[in-house]
C-alpha atoms as a PDB file:
ATOM      1  CA  MET A   1     -36.326-114.258-111.368  1.00  0.00           C
ATOM      2  CA  GLY A   2     -39.155-116.548-110.926  1.00  0.00           C
ATOM      3  CA  LYS A   3     -40.117-119.758-112.048  1.00  0.00           C
ATOM      4  CA  ARG A   4     -42.439-119.410-115.143  1.00  0.00           C
ATOM      5  CA  LEU A   5     -44.732-121.991-114.705  1.00  0.00           C
ATOM      6  CA  GLU A   6     -44.348-122.106-110.508  1.00  0.00           C
ATOM      7  CA  GLY A   7     -48.156-122.872-109.287  1.00  0.00           C
ATOM      8  CA  LYS A   8     -49.350-124.004-112.595  1.00  0.00           C
ATOM      9  CA  VAL A   9     -50.498-127.563-112.929  1.00  0.00           C
ATOM     10  CA  ALA A  10     -49.940-129.045-117.029  1.00  0.00           C
ATOM     11  CA  LEU A  11     -50.982-131.876-119.247  1.00  0.00           C
ATOM     12  CA  ILE A  12     -48.855-133.277-121.889  1.00  0.00           C
ATOM     13  CA  THR A  13     -49.398-135.983-124.442  1.00  0.00           C
ATOM     14  CA  GLY A  14     -47.355-137.647-126.157  1.00  0.00           C
ATOM     15  CA  ALA A  15     -44.431-136.892-123.576  1.00  0.00           C
ATOM     16  CA  SER A  16     -42.795-140.275-123.961  1.00  0.00           C
ATOM     17  CA  SER A  17     -40.209-138.808-126.364  1.00  0.00           C
ATOM     18  CA  GLY A  18     -39.254-135.903-128.677  1.00  0.00           C
ATOM     19  CA  ILE A  19     -41.013-132.181-128.459  1.00  0.00           C
ATOM     20  CA  GLY A  20     -43.731-133.701-125.979  1.00  0.00           C
ATOM     21  CA  HIS A  21     -40.842-135.237-123.593  1.00  0.00           C
ATOM     22  CA  ALA A  22     -38.499-132.314-123.846  1.00  0.00           C
ATOM     23  CA  SER A  23     -40.976-130.065-122.909  1.00  0.00           C
ATOM     24  CA  ALA A  24     -42.419-131.927-119.524  1.00  0.00           C
ATOM     25  CA  LEU A  25     -38.246-131.710-118.525  1.00  0.00           C
ATOM     26  CA  LEU A  26     -38.673-127.768-119.225  1.00  0.00           C
ATOM     27  CA  PHE A  27     -42.207-126.912-117.742  1.00  0.00           C
ATOM     28  CA  ALA A  28     -41.110-129.232-114.222  1.00  0.00           C
ATOM     29  CA  SER A  29     -37.751-127.131-113.875  1.00  0.00           C
ATOM     30  CA  GLU A  30     -39.976-123.985-114.169  1.00  0.00           C
ATOM     31  CA  GLY A  31     -42.135-125.077-111.589  1.00  0.00           C
ATOM     32  CA  ALA A  32     -45.302-126.969-113.321  1.00  0.00           C
ATOM     33  CA  ARG A  33     -46.834-130.023-111.912  1.00  0.00           C
ATOM     34  CA  LEU A  34     -47.125-132.486-114.721  1.00  0.00           C
ATOM     35  CA  VAL A  35     -49.788-135.208-115.654  1.00  0.00           C
ATOM     36  CA  VAL A  36     -47.836-136.715-119.036  1.00  0.00           C
ATOM     37  CA  GLY A  37     -49.667-139.102-121.060  1.00  0.00           C
ATOM     38  CA  ALA A  38     -48.210-141.324-123.849  1.00  0.00           C
ATOM     39  CA  ARG A  39     -49.293-145.036-125.498  1.00  0.00           C
ATOM     40  CA  ARG A  40     -45.681-146.174-123.830  1.00  0.00           C
ATOM     41  CA  ALA A  41     -45.963-146.983-119.979  1.00  0.00           C
ATOM     42  CA  ALA A  42     -42.228-147.609-119.418  1.00  0.00           C
ATOM     43  CA  GLU A  43     -40.891-144.503-121.063  1.00  0.00           C
ATOM     44  CA  LEU A  44     -43.790-142.584-119.052  1.00  0.00           C
ATOM     45  CA  GLU A  45     -42.510-143.903-115.887  1.00  0.00           C
ATOM     46  CA  GLN A  46     -38.795-143.216-116.789  1.00  0.00           C
ATOM     47  CA  LEU A  47     -39.535-139.662-117.437  1.00  0.00           C
ATOM     48  CA  VAL A  48     -41.824-139.449-114.185  1.00  0.00           C
ATOM     49  CA  LYS A  49     -38.306-140.794-112.033  1.00  0.00           C
ATOM     50  CA  ASP A  50     -36.359-138.130-114.038  1.00  0.00           C
ATOM     51  CA  ILE A  51     -38.674-135.382-113.569  1.00  0.00           C
ATOM     52  CA  ARG A  52     -38.668-136.373-109.488  1.00  0.00           C
ATOM     53  CA  ALA A  53     -34.823-136.797-109.311  1.00  0.00           C
ATOM     54  CA  ALA A  54     -34.905-133.424-110.716  1.00  0.00           C
ATOM     55  CA  GLY A  55     -37.138-131.960-107.628  1.00  0.00           C
ATOM     56  CA  GLY A  56     -40.231-131.523-109.522  1.00  0.00           C
ATOM     57  CA  ASP A  57     -43.286-133.054-109.734  1.00  0.00           C
ATOM     58  CA  ALA A  58     -45.304-135.534-111.955  1.00  0.00           C
ATOM     59  CA  VAL A  59     -47.907-138.426-112.492  1.00  0.00           C
ATOM     60  CA  ALA A  60     -48.234-140.618-115.312  1.00  0.00           C
ATOM     61  CA  LEU A  61     -51.119-141.978-117.254  1.00  0.00           C
ATOM     62  CA  ALA A  62     -50.473-144.354-120.513  1.00  0.00           C
ATOM     63  CA  GLY A  63     -53.452-144.667-122.714  1.00  0.00           C
ATOM     64  CA  ASP A  64     -54.534-143.871-126.329  1.00  0.00           C
ATOM     65  CA  VAL A  65     -56.015-140.347-127.440  1.00  0.00           C
ATOM     66  CA  ARG A  66     -58.168-141.890-129.979  1.00  0.00           C
ATOM     67  CA  SER A  67     -60.374-142.454-126.712  1.00  0.00           C
ATOM     68  CA  GLU A  68     -62.467-139.827-124.918  1.00  0.00           C
ATOM     69  CA  ALA A  69     -62.459-142.197-121.934  1.00  0.00           C
ATOM     70  CA  TYR A  70     -58.312-141.566-122.104  1.00  0.00           C
ATOM     71  CA  ALA A  71     -58.818-137.576-122.510  1.00  0.00           C
ATOM     72  CA  ARG A  72     -61.471-137.291-119.445  1.00  0.00           C
ATOM     73  CA  GLU A  73     -59.374-139.380-117.200  1.00  0.00           C
ATOM     74  CA  LEU A  74     -56.183-137.424-117.893  1.00  0.00           C
ATOM     75  CA  VAL A  75     -58.149-134.406-116.594  1.00  0.00           C
ATOM     76  CA  ALA A  76     -59.246-136.077-113.640  1.00  0.00           C
ATOM     77  CA  LEU A  77     -56.077-137.355-112.683  1.00  0.00           C
ATOM     78  CA  ALA A  78     -54.636-133.619-113.061  1.00  0.00           C
ATOM     79  CA  VAL A  79     -57.593-132.457-110.667  1.00  0.00           C
ATOM     80  CA  SER A  80     -57.808-135.435-108.319  1.00  0.00           C
ATOM     81  CA  ARG A  81     -53.546-134.978-107.696  1.00  0.00           C
ATOM     82  CA  TYR A  82     -53.000-131.166-108.012  1.00  0.00           C
ATOM     83  CA  GLY A  83     -56.609-130.091-107.485  1.00  0.00           C
ATOM     84  CA  ARG A  84     -56.693-127.909-111.450  1.00  0.00           C
ATOM     85  CA  LEU A  85     -55.396-127.362-114.566  1.00  0.00           C
ATOM     86  CA  ASP A  86     -53.900-124.880-116.262  1.00  0.00           C
ATOM     87  CA  VAL A  87     -51.967-125.977-119.364  1.00  0.00           C
ATOM     88  CA  ALA A  88     -52.538-128.193-121.871  1.00  0.00           C
ATOM     89  CA  PHE A  89     -49.685-129.377-124.239  1.00  0.00           C
ATOM     90  CA  ASN A  90     -51.932-131.634-127.190  1.00  0.00           C
ATOM     91  CA  ASN A  91     -48.568-132.657-128.621  1.00  0.00           C
ATOM     92  CA  ALA A  92     -49.589-136.693-129.200  1.00  0.00           C
ATOM     93  CA  GLY A  93     -49.447-137.340-132.880  1.00  0.00           C
ATOM     94  CA  THR A  94     -48.656-139.421-135.926  1.00  0.00           C
ATOM     95  CA  LEU A  95     -46.861-139.300-139.515  1.00  0.00           C
ATOM     96  CA  GLY A  96     -49.948-142.000-140.250  1.00  0.00           C
ATOM     97  CA  GLU A  97     -49.983-143.975-143.696  1.00  0.00           C
ATOM     98  CA  GLY A  98     -47.567-142.458-146.388  1.00  0.00           C
ATOM     99  CA  GLY A  99     -47.253-142.835-149.958  1.00  0.00           C
ATOM    100  CA  ALA A 100     -49.288-141.840-153.272  1.00  0.00           C
ATOM    101  CA  SER A 101     -52.258-140.755-151.750  1.00  0.00           C
ATOM    102  CA  THR A 102     -54.407-142.693-154.678  1.00  0.00           C
ATOM    103  CA  GLY A 103     -53.181-145.527-152.704  1.00  0.00           C
ATOM    104  CA  VAL A 104     -53.460-144.425-149.519  1.00  0.00           C
ATOM    105  CA  SER A 105     -56.408-146.547-147.417  1.00  0.00           C
ATOM    106  CA  GLU A 106     -59.200-145.390-145.724  1.00  0.00           C
ATOM    107  CA  ALA A 107     -58.556-146.937-142.877  1.00  0.00           C
ATOM    108  CA  GLY A 108     -54.668-145.245-142.879  1.00  0.00           C
ATOM    109  CA  TRP A 109     -56.554-141.962-143.193  1.00  0.00           C
ATOM    110  CA  THR A 110     -59.120-142.284-141.031  1.00  0.00           C
ATOM    111  CA  ASP A 111     -56.587-143.481-138.340  1.00  0.00           C
ATOM    112  CA  THR A 112     -54.306-140.518-138.729  1.00  0.00           C
ATOM    113  CA  LEU A 113     -56.778-137.961-138.442  1.00  0.00           C
ATOM    114  CA  ALA A 114     -58.012-139.717-135.144  1.00  0.00           C
ATOM    115  CA  ILE A 115     -54.873-139.443-133.585  1.00  0.00           C
ATOM    116  CA  ASN A 116     -53.431-136.271-135.086  1.00  0.00           C
ATOM    117  CA  LEU A 117     -57.074-134.033-135.274  1.00  0.00           C
ATOM    118  CA  THR A 118     -59.852-135.937-133.167  1.00  0.00           C
ATOM    119  CA  GLY A 119     -57.309-136.937-130.142  1.00  0.00           C
ATOM    120  CA  ALA A 120     -56.427-132.828-130.108  1.00  0.00           C
ATOM    121  CA  PHE A 121     -60.308-132.170-130.146  1.00  0.00           C
ATOM    122  CA  LEU A 122     -61.059-134.941-127.612  1.00  0.00           C
ATOM    123  CA  GLY A 123     -58.058-133.532-125.134  1.00  0.00           C
ATOM    124  CA  ALA A 124     -59.043-130.082-125.309  1.00  0.00           C
ATOM    125  CA  LYS A 125     -63.193-130.365-124.810  1.00  0.00           C
ATOM    126  CA  HIS A 126     -62.277-131.892-121.161  1.00  0.00           C
ATOM    127  CA  GLN A 127     -59.042-129.756-121.138  1.00  0.00           C
ATOM    128  CA  ILE A 128     -60.560-126.223-121.254  1.00  0.00           C
ATOM    129  CA  ALA A 129     -64.354-127.453-119.282  1.00  0.00           C
ATOM    130  CA  GLN A 130     -61.888-127.554-116.609  1.00  0.00           C
ATOM    131  CA  MET A 131     -59.795-124.566-116.905  1.00  0.00           C
ATOM    132  CA  LEU A 132     -62.957-123.031-117.158  1.00  0.00           C
ATOM    133  CA  LYS A 133     -63.791-123.719-113.777  1.00  0.00           C
ATOM    134  CA  ASN A 134     -60.690-122.294-112.829  1.00  0.00           C
ATOM    135  CA  GLY A 135     -60.696-119.115-114.672  1.00  0.00           C
ATOM    136  CA  GLY A 136     -59.170-119.455-117.774  1.00  0.00           C
ATOM    137  CA  GLY A 137     -55.955-121.638-118.646  1.00  0.00           C
ATOM    138  CA  SER A 138     -53.736-122.167-122.020  1.00  0.00           C
ATOM    139  CA  VAL A 139     -54.140-124.924-124.503  1.00  0.00           C
ATOM    140  CA  ILE A 140     -51.144-125.489-127.140  1.00  0.00           C
ATOM    141  CA  PHE A 141     -51.835-128.079-129.752  1.00  0.00           C
ATOM    142  CA  THR A 142     -48.545-129.395-132.187  1.00  0.00           C
ATOM    143  CA  SER A 143     -49.406-129.113-135.750  1.00  0.00           C
ATOM    144  CA  THR A 144     -46.698-128.622-138.771  1.00  0.00           C
ATOM    145  CA  PHE A 145     -45.179-125.968-141.459  1.00  0.00           C
ATOM    146  CA  VAL A 146     -46.726-129.442-143.590  1.00  0.00           C
ATOM    147  CA  GLY A 147     -49.864-128.543-145.808  1.00  0.00           C
ATOM    148  CA  TYR A 148     -49.569-124.816-144.341  1.00  0.00           C
ATOM    149  CA  THR A 149     -46.864-122.763-145.432  1.00  0.00           C
ATOM    150  CA  ALA A 150     -45.031-125.807-147.728  1.00  0.00           C
ATOM    151  CA  ALA A 151     -46.120-129.694-149.022  1.00  0.00           C
ATOM    152  CA  PHE A 152     -44.824-132.278-149.799  1.00  0.00           C
ATOM    153  CA  ALA A 153     -46.154-136.081-151.612  1.00  0.00           C
ATOM    154  CA  GLY A 154     -47.124-139.014-149.885  1.00  0.00           C
ATOM    155  CA  VAL A 155     -47.963-136.587-146.986  1.00  0.00           C
ATOM    156  CA  ALA A 156     -52.013-136.231-147.565  1.00  0.00           C
ATOM    157  CA  ALA A 157     -53.489-137.866-144.491  1.00  0.00           C
ATOM    158  CA  TYR A 158     -50.712-135.831-142.178  1.00  0.00           C
ATOM    159  CA  ALA A 159     -50.725-132.793-143.909  1.00  0.00           C
ATOM    160  CA  ALA A 160     -54.273-132.681-143.752  1.00  0.00           C
ATOM    161  CA  SER A 161     -55.325-133.711-140.048  1.00  0.00           C
ATOM    162  CA  LYS A 162     -52.006-131.290-138.837  1.00  0.00           C
ATOM    163  CA  SER A 163     -53.446-128.288-141.129  1.00  0.00           C
ATOM    164  CA  GLY A 164     -57.062-128.878-139.257  1.00  0.00           C
ATOM    165  CA  LEU A 165     -55.402-128.351-135.811  1.00  0.00           C
ATOM    166  CA  VAL A 166     -54.841-124.868-137.056  1.00  0.00           C
ATOM    167  CA  GLY A 167     -58.865-124.284-137.779  1.00  0.00           C
ATOM    168  CA  LEU A 168     -59.362-125.920-134.598  1.00  0.00           C
ATOM    169  CA  THR A 169     -56.814-123.136-132.292  1.00  0.00           C
ATOM    170  CA  GLN A 170     -58.947-120.728-133.599  1.00  0.00           C
ATOM    171  CA  ALA A 171     -62.328-121.933-133.487  1.00  0.00           C
ATOM    172  CA  LEU A 172     -61.397-122.640-129.469  1.00  0.00           C
ATOM    173  CA  ALA A 173     -59.800-119.208-129.266  1.00  0.00           C
ATOM    174  CA  THR A 174     -62.503-117.635-130.213  1.00  0.00           C
ATOM    175  CA  GLU A 175     -65.040-119.273-128.616  1.00  0.00           C
ATOM    176  CA  TYR A 176     -63.140-119.312-124.790  1.00  0.00           C
ATOM    177  CA  GLY A 177     -60.575-116.142-124.779  1.00  0.00           C
ATOM    178  CA  ALA A 178     -63.451-114.280-123.147  1.00  0.00           C
ATOM    179  CA  GLN A 179     -63.445-116.757-120.194  1.00  0.00           C
ATOM    180  CA  GLY A 180     -59.583-116.822-120.242  1.00  0.00           C
ATOM    181  CA  VAL A 181     -58.618-119.858-122.204  1.00  0.00           C
ATOM    182  CA  ARG A 182     -55.908-119.011-124.613  1.00  0.00           C
ATOM    183  CA  VAL A 183     -55.667-121.523-127.357  1.00  0.00           C
ATOM    184  CA  ASN A 184     -52.566-121.666-130.099  1.00  0.00           C
ATOM    185  CA  ALA A 185     -50.533-124.070-132.255  1.00  0.00           C
ATOM    186  CA  ILE A 186     -47.273-123.931-133.072  1.00  0.00           C
ATOM    187  CA  LEU A 187     -46.069-125.316-136.195  1.00  0.00           C
ATOM    188  CA  PRO A 188     -42.626-126.882-135.975  1.00  0.00           C
ATOM    189  CA  GLY A 189     -40.170-127.757-138.954  1.00  0.00           C
ATOM    190  CA  ALA A 190     -38.108-130.618-138.905  1.00  0.00           C
ATOM    191  CA  VAL A 191     -37.319-131.755-136.059  1.00  0.00           C
ATOM    192  CA  ASP A 192     -34.778-133.738-134.652  1.00  0.00           C
ATOM    193  CA  THR A 193     -37.033-137.119-133.761  1.00  0.00           C
ATOM    194  CA  ALA A 194     -38.290-140.173-134.186  1.00  0.00           C
ATOM    195  CA  MET A 195     -40.648-139.513-136.652  1.00  0.00           C
ATOM    196  CA  TYR A 196     -38.564-136.848-138.235  1.00  0.00           C
ATOM    197  CA  ARG A 197     -36.056-140.065-138.648  1.00  0.00           C
ATOM    198  CA  GLU A 198     -38.884-142.571-139.802  1.00  0.00           C
ATOM    199  CA  MET A 199     -39.649-139.934-142.396  1.00  0.00           C
ATOM    200  CA  ASN A 200     -36.022-139.177-143.687  1.00  0.00           C
ATOM    201  CA  ASP A 201     -34.769-142.472-143.215  1.00  0.00           C
ATOM    202  CA  THR A 202     -30.683-141.613-144.941  1.00  0.00           C
ATOM    203  CA  PRO A 203     -27.987-139.463-144.814  1.00  0.00           C
ATOM    204  CA  GLU A 204     -29.111-138.133-147.911  1.00  0.00           C
ATOM    205  CA  ALA A 205     -32.671-137.338-146.858  1.00  0.00           C
ATOM    206  CA  GLN A 206     -31.578-135.536-144.009  1.00  0.00           C
ATOM    207  CA  SER A 207     -28.988-133.493-145.844  1.00  0.00           C
ATOM    208  CA  PHE A 208     -32.159-132.374-148.103  1.00  0.00           C
ATOM    209  CA  LEU A 209     -34.388-131.430-145.342  1.00  0.00           C
ATOM    210  CA  ALA A 210     -31.969-129.367-143.430  1.00  0.00           C
ATOM    211  CA  GLY A 211     -31.107-127.450-146.438  1.00  0.00           C
ATOM    212  CA  LEU A 212     -34.548-126.582-146.962  1.00  0.00           C
ATOM    213  CA  HIS A 213     -34.180-124.594-143.904  1.00  0.00           C
ATOM    214  CA  ALA A 214     -33.313-121.028-143.840  1.00  0.00           C
ATOM    215  CA  LEU A 215     -30.591-122.076-140.598  1.00  0.00           C
ATOM    216  CA  LYS A 216     -29.432-125.175-142.770  1.00  0.00           C
ATOM    217  CA  ARG A 217     -29.887-127.380-140.303  1.00  0.00           C
ATOM    218  CA  VAL A 218     -32.797-129.007-138.253  1.00  0.00           C
ATOM    219  CA  GLY A 219     -34.438-127.980-134.642  1.00  0.00           C
ATOM    220  CA  THR A 220     -33.843-130.212-131.777  1.00  0.00           C
ATOM    221  CA  PRO A 221     -36.727-131.041-129.090  1.00  0.00           C
ATOM    222  CA  GLN A 222     -35.426-128.546-126.048  1.00  0.00           C
ATOM    223  CA  GLU A 223     -35.800-125.614-128.828  1.00  0.00           C
ATOM    224  CA  LEU A 224     -39.070-126.465-129.773  1.00  0.00           C
ATOM    225  CA  ALA A 225     -40.018-127.031-126.130  1.00  0.00           C
ATOM    226  CA  ARG A 226     -38.861-122.762-125.136  1.00  0.00           C
ATOM    227  CA  SER A 227     -41.674-121.901-127.867  1.00  0.00           C
ATOM    228  CA  VAL A 228     -43.972-124.057-126.355  1.00  0.00           C
ATOM    229  CA  LEU A 229     -43.115-122.636-122.816  1.00  0.00           C
ATOM    230  CA  TYR A 230     -43.587-119.220-123.688  1.00  0.00           C
ATOM    231  CA  LEU A 231     -47.334-120.247-125.114  1.00  0.00           C
ATOM    232  CA  ALA A 232     -48.179-122.117-121.995  1.00  0.00           C
ATOM    233  CA  SER A 233     -46.597-118.796-119.561  1.00  0.00           C
ATOM    234  CA  ASP A 234     -48.719-115.579-118.505  1.00  0.00           C
ATOM    235  CA  ASP A 235     -45.667-114.200-121.137  1.00  0.00           C
ATOM    236  CA  ALA A 236     -48.109-115.089-123.520  1.00  0.00           C
ATOM    237  CA  SER A 237     -51.132-113.452-121.608  1.00  0.00           C
ATOM    238  CA  PHE A 238     -52.415-111.365-125.065  1.00  0.00           C
ATOM    239  CA  VAL A 239     -51.349-114.515-127.301  1.00  0.00           C
ATOM    240  CA  THR A 240     -54.458-116.449-128.644  1.00  0.00           C
ATOM    241  CA  GLY A 241     -55.499-118.170-132.112  1.00  0.00           C
ATOM    242  CA  THR A 242     -51.731-118.198-132.980  1.00  0.00           C
ATOM    243  CA  ALA A 243     -50.194-120.619-135.721  1.00  0.00           C
ATOM    244  CA  SER A 244     -46.396-119.654-134.725  1.00  0.00           C
ATOM    245  CA  LEU A 245     -44.027-121.068-137.246  1.00  0.00           C
ATOM    246  CA  VAL A 246     -41.127-122.213-134.978  1.00  0.00           C
ATOM    247  CA  ASP A 247     -39.540-123.936-138.512  1.00  0.00           C
ATOM    248  CA  GLY A 248     -36.045-122.662-138.737  1.00  0.00           C
ATOM    249  CA  GLY A 249     -37.102-120.472-141.698  1.00  0.00           C
ATOM    250  CA  VAL A 250     -38.412-123.355-144.025  1.00  0.00           C
ATOM    251  CA  SER A 251     -41.376-121.866-144.765  1.00  0.00           C
ATOM    252  CA  ILE A 252     -39.431-118.678-146.490  1.00  0.00           C
ATOM    253  CA  SER A 253     -36.131-120.348-147.669  1.00  0.00           C
ATOM    254  CA  ARG A 254     -36.193-120.899-151.275  1.00  0.00           C
ATOM    255  CA  GLY A 255     -32.540-122.439-151.373  1.00  0.00           C
END
């Protein structure tokens, strides 16, 4: 059986940890050549070393997804290094300022949307422009079930920004589908990442959240990466505009 991303060039943001990191390793093992981005340069360079040590090919560029110049530079690096861009996984995100919504600062609200929603849009803007030159591609966003099928107190900015990605997914899928660009979003449940542990920083909180899921556990970054791989690959050639729940059943579980 051939590798599912053989011959493809993929770009992943938020690749220094969590779902993005796991996806980068999996994509490389499936034959993709990679451009990986995040704010933390040292972690990115270690990821590149690990990919190359396993026989893959990757290059890193550290930066801030709030910058349109960075979005442009990531795509330009893919083209200069590998000649094209076929897959983009816009995964970078933040939990943002939390707490009672009446106390959330304007700056905190704005920054959360800038990273989670505007940053994803700026990335897709330049990624799709390049994919159109190649005859198509696959763009994937990391949204969440929070604010889509369920809600929690104290995360208004996070929920609003991530929910906005679902609308963005549908709009871009409609706009560019006829030109061969597929656009989808994954909606994870709780996943054992640094952001999850930041939000649930006690054993009691983690046990409570795990119990909300039908599977009675949280997911792993590697499990989410396999769903991203599906959407990136030609196996999902007739899939676009979806808000794909990869949530361990948290959206349907009631205890």
